[in-house]
Amino acid sequence: MLLGAWRNKRWIVYAAEECAGWIASGLYSQPEELAAGMKIYRDAGGKRAILSNVIVALDAGSEAAQRASSATVTLTGGEAEARDRLKRIKDVGFDDVLCMTPLDALDDLERLRDAL
């Protein structure tokens, strides 16, 4: 079982100690909050961390890009910028990223996957 816990230290520690992993959200969490949560998680012995709700929008004029404008952590701005953002997510310590995109933008996921 994985536990989603965004800002609450108690639940992040619980995820590390009692669950198979921690799921954080990139939708509204600030990067510094994610980094602080990751430190708490890893210090408590957490092994697997997933960043969820990360919108992929490689084309600035797309519906996905409009949705991404209200999100905090996104994979936007073309393949190169999205790769850089993925690197920053990895550098914070996340093992996996759960991406979101509208059905009409599935090509963005393939473009990003191919760019990696």
C-alpha atoms as a PDB file:
ATOM      1  CA  MET A   1       0.000   0.000   0.000  1.00  0.00           C
ATOM      2  CA  LEU A   2       1.195   3.493  -0.866  1.00  0.00           C
ATOM      3  CA  LEU A   3       0.065   6.536   1.111  1.00  0.00           C
ATOM      4  CA  GLY A   4      -0.702   9.952  -0.322  1.00  0.00           C
ATOM      5  CA  ALA A   5       0.339  12.631   2.156  1.00  0.00           C
ATOM      6  CA  TRP A   6       1.124  16.131   0.996  1.00  0.00           C
ATOM      7  CA  ARG A   7       2.298  18.343   3.847  1.00  0.00           C
ATOM      8  CA  ASN A   8       1.637  16.532   7.091  1.00  0.00           C
ATOM      9  CA  LYS A   9       4.824  15.244   8.723  1.00  0.00           C
ATOM     10  CA  ARG A  10       2.932  12.584  10.692  1.00  0.00           C
ATOM     11  CA  TRP A  11       1.559  10.975   7.532  1.00  0.00           C
ATOM     12  CA  ILE A  12       4.812  11.273   5.593  1.00  0.00           C
ATOM     13  CA  VAL A  13       6.625   9.438   8.414  1.00  0.00           C
ATOM     14  CA  TYR A  14       3.804   6.887   8.536  1.00  0.00           C
ATOM     15  CA  ALA A  15       4.248   6.294   4.783  1.00  0.00           C
ATOM     16  CA  ALA A  16       7.966   5.700   5.340  1.00  0.00           C
ATOM     17  CA  GLU A  17       7.550   3.386   8.290  1.00  0.00           C
ATOM     18  CA  GLU A  18       4.339   1.488   7.532  1.00  0.00           C
ATOM     19  CA  CYS A  19       3.702   1.628   3.784  1.00  0.00           C
ATOM     20  CA  ALA A  20       5.407   0.580   0.574  1.00  0.00           C
ATOM     21  CA  GLY A  21       5.795   4.196  -0.487  1.00  0.00           C
ATOM     22  CA  TRP A  22       4.785   7.845  -0.346  1.00  0.00           C
ATOM     23  CA  ILE A  23       2.749   9.668  -2.980  1.00  0.00           C
ATOM     24  CA  ALA A  24       3.098  13.447  -3.059  1.00  0.00           C
ATOM     25  CA  SER A  25       1.184  15.783  -5.350  1.00  0.00           C
ATOM     26  CA  GLY A  26       2.788  18.185  -7.783  1.00  0.00           C
ATOM     27  CA  LEU A  27      -0.498  19.892  -8.533  1.00  0.00           C
ATOM     28  CA  TYR A  28      -0.352  22.584  -5.841  1.00  0.00           C
ATOM     29  CA  SER A  29       2.678  21.722  -3.701  1.00  0.00           C
ATOM     30  CA  GLN A  30       5.543  24.178  -3.889  1.00  0.00           C
ATOM     31  CA  PRO A  31       8.968  22.738  -4.843  1.00  0.00           C
ATOM     32  CA  GLU A  32      10.412  23.632  -1.432  1.00  0.00           C
ATOM     33  CA  GLU A  33       7.527  21.790   0.283  1.00  0.00           C
ATOM     34  CA  LEU A  34       8.238  18.713  -1.823  1.00  0.00           C
ATOM     35  CA  ALA A  35      11.937  18.867  -0.970  1.00  0.00           C
ATOM     36  CA  ALA A  36      11.138  19.233   2.753  1.00  0.00           C
ATOM     37  CA  GLY A  37       8.677  16.336   2.559  1.00  0.00           C
ATOM     38  CA  MET A  38      11.263  14.200   0.789  1.00  0.00           C
ATOM     39  CA  LYS A  39      13.812  14.880   3.530  1.00  0.00           C
ATOM     40  CA  ILE A  40      11.277  13.846   6.180  1.00  0.00           C
ATOM     41  CA  TYR A  41      10.413  10.730   4.174  1.00  0.00           C
ATOM     42  CA  ARG A  42      13.977   9.591   3.513  1.00  0.00           C
ATOM     43  CA  ASP A  43      15.111  10.418   7.080  1.00  0.00           C
ATOM     44  CA  ALA A  44      12.289   8.151   8.310  1.00  0.00           C
ATOM     45  CA  GLY A  45      13.605   5.329   6.103  1.00  0.00           C
ATOM     46  CA  GLY A  46      11.225   5.720   3.166  1.00  0.00           C
ATOM     47  CA  LYS A  47      12.250   3.772   0.075  1.00  0.00           C
ATOM     48  CA  ARG A  48       9.858   4.634  -2.785  1.00  0.00           C
ATOM     49  CA  ALA A  49       8.464   8.085  -3.492  1.00  0.00           C
ATOM     50  CA  ILE A  50       6.081   9.011  -6.290  1.00  0.00           C
ATOM     51  CA  LEU A  51       5.214  12.516  -7.438  1.00  0.00           C
ATOM     52  CA  SER A  52       1.652  12.461  -8.753  1.00  0.00           C
ATOM     53  CA  ASN A  53      -0.584  14.915 -10.603  1.00  0.00           C
ATOM     54  CA  VAL A  54       2.165  16.212 -12.887  1.00  0.00           C
ATOM     55  CA  ILE A  55       0.607  17.687 -16.012  1.00  0.00           C
ATOM     56  CA  VAL A  56       2.412  17.074 -19.305  1.00  0.00           C
ATOM     57  CA  ALA A  57       1.880  19.863 -21.832  1.00  0.00           C
ATOM     58  CA  LEU A  58       4.591  20.244 -24.442  1.00  0.00           C
ATOM     59  CA  ASP A  59       2.650  22.623 -26.715  1.00  0.00           C
ATOM     60  CA  ALA A  60       2.054  26.055 -25.193  1.00  0.00           C
ATOM     61  CA  GLY A  61      -1.332  26.559 -26.888  1.00  0.00           C
ATOM     62  CA  SER A  62      -2.868  23.237 -25.888  1.00  0.00           C
ATOM     63  CA  GLU A  63      -5.697  22.480 -23.462  1.00  0.00           C
ATOM     64  CA  ALA A  64      -3.168  20.700 -21.270  1.00  0.00           C
ATOM     65  CA  ALA A  65      -1.028  23.858 -21.127  1.00  0.00           C
ATOM     66  CA  GLN A  66      -4.058  25.841 -19.971  1.00  0.00           C
ATOM     67  CA  ARG A  67      -4.635  23.295 -17.176  1.00  0.00           C
ATOM     68  CA  ALA A  68      -0.949  23.329 -16.298  1.00  0.00           C
ATOM     69  CA  SER A  69      -0.984  27.093 -15.794  1.00  0.00           C
ATOM     70  CA  SER A  70      -2.729  26.608 -12.436  1.00  0.00           C
ATOM     71  CA  ALA A  71      -0.456  23.745 -11.329  1.00  0.00           C
ATOM     72  CA  THR A  72       2.846  24.074  -9.515  1.00  0.00           C
ATOM     73  CA  VAL A  73       5.024  21.218 -10.811  1.00  0.00           C
ATOM     74  CA  THR A  74       4.516  20.534 -14.517  1.00  0.00           C
ATOM     75  CA  LEU A  75       6.280  19.053 -17.526  1.00  0.00           C
ATOM     76  CA  THR A  76       5.757  21.898 -19.959  1.00  0.00           C
ATOM     77  CA  GLY A  77       7.646  24.014 -22.449  1.00  0.00           C
ATOM     78  CA  GLY A  78       8.757  21.433 -24.995  1.00  0.00           C
ATOM     79  CA  GLU A  79      10.831  18.287 -24.728  1.00  0.00           C
ATOM     80  CA  ALA A  80      14.064  19.914 -23.524  1.00  0.00           C
ATOM     81  CA  GLU A  81      12.413  21.929 -20.761  1.00  0.00           C
ATOM     82  CA  ALA A  82      10.286  18.951 -19.699  1.00  0.00           C
ATOM     83  CA  ARG A  83      13.449  16.805 -19.480  1.00  0.00           C
ATOM     84  CA  ASP A  84      15.073  19.481 -17.291  1.00  0.00           C
ATOM     85  CA  ARG A  85      12.017  19.540 -15.034  1.00  0.00           C
ATOM     86  CA  LEU A  86      12.089  15.733 -14.759  1.00  0.00           C
ATOM     87  CA  LYS A  87      15.745  15.949 -13.748  1.00  0.00           C
ATOM     88  CA  ARG A  88      14.869  18.423 -10.990  1.00  0.00           C
ATOM     89  CA  ILE A  89      12.116  16.064  -9.776  1.00  0.00           C
ATOM     90  CA  LYS A  90      14.632  13.222  -9.711  1.00  0.00           C
ATOM     91  CA  ASP A  91      17.194  15.409  -7.935  1.00  0.00           C
ATOM     92  CA  VAL A  92      14.642  16.086  -5.170  1.00  0.00           C
ATOM     93  CA  GLY A  93      14.518  12.310  -4.736  1.00  0.00           C
ATOM     94  CA  PHE A  94      11.332  11.084  -6.396  1.00  0.00           C
ATOM     95  CA  ASP A  95      11.561   7.617  -7.904  1.00  0.00           C
ATOM     96  CA  ASP A  96       8.528   7.846 -10.183  1.00  0.00           C
ATOM     97  CA  VAL A  97       6.309  10.513 -11.706  1.00  0.00           C
ATOM     98  CA  LEU A  98       2.606   9.992 -12.314  1.00  0.00           C
ATOM     99  CA  CYS A  99       1.761  12.129 -15.350  1.00  0.00           C
ATOM    100  CA  MET A 100      -1.589  13.555 -16.411  1.00  0.00           C
ATOM    101  CA  THR A 101      -2.703  14.806 -19.788  1.00  0.00           C
ATOM    102  CA  PRO A 102      -6.035  15.084 -21.599  1.00  0.00           C
ATOM    103  CA  LEU A 103      -6.845  12.363 -24.118  1.00  0.00           C
ATOM    104  CA  ASP A 104      -6.262  14.752 -27.006  1.00  0.00           C
ATOM    105  CA  ALA A 105      -2.675  15.313 -25.834  1.00  0.00           C
ATOM    106  CA  LEU A 106      -1.482  11.715 -25.514  1.00  0.00           C
ATOM    107  CA  ASP A 107       1.093  12.516 -28.197  1.00  0.00           C
ATOM    108  CA  ASP A 108       2.832  14.726 -25.626  1.00  0.00           C
ATOM    109  CA  LEU A 109       3.442  11.691 -23.422  1.00  0.00           C
ATOM    110  CA  GLU A 110       4.925   9.803 -26.362  1.00  0.00           C
ATOM    111  CA  ARG A 111       7.084  12.787 -27.344  1.00  0.00           C
ATOM    112  CA  LEU A 112       8.376  13.106 -23.804  1.00  0.00           C
ATOM    113  CA  ARG A 113       8.998   9.375 -23.503  1.00  0.00           C
ATOM    114  CA  ASP A 114      10.883   9.387 -26.805  1.00  0.00           C
ATOM    115  CA  ALA A 115      12.909  12.453 -25.766  1.00  0.00           C
ATOM    116  CA  LEU A 116      14.104  10.625 -22.650  1.00  0.00           C
END
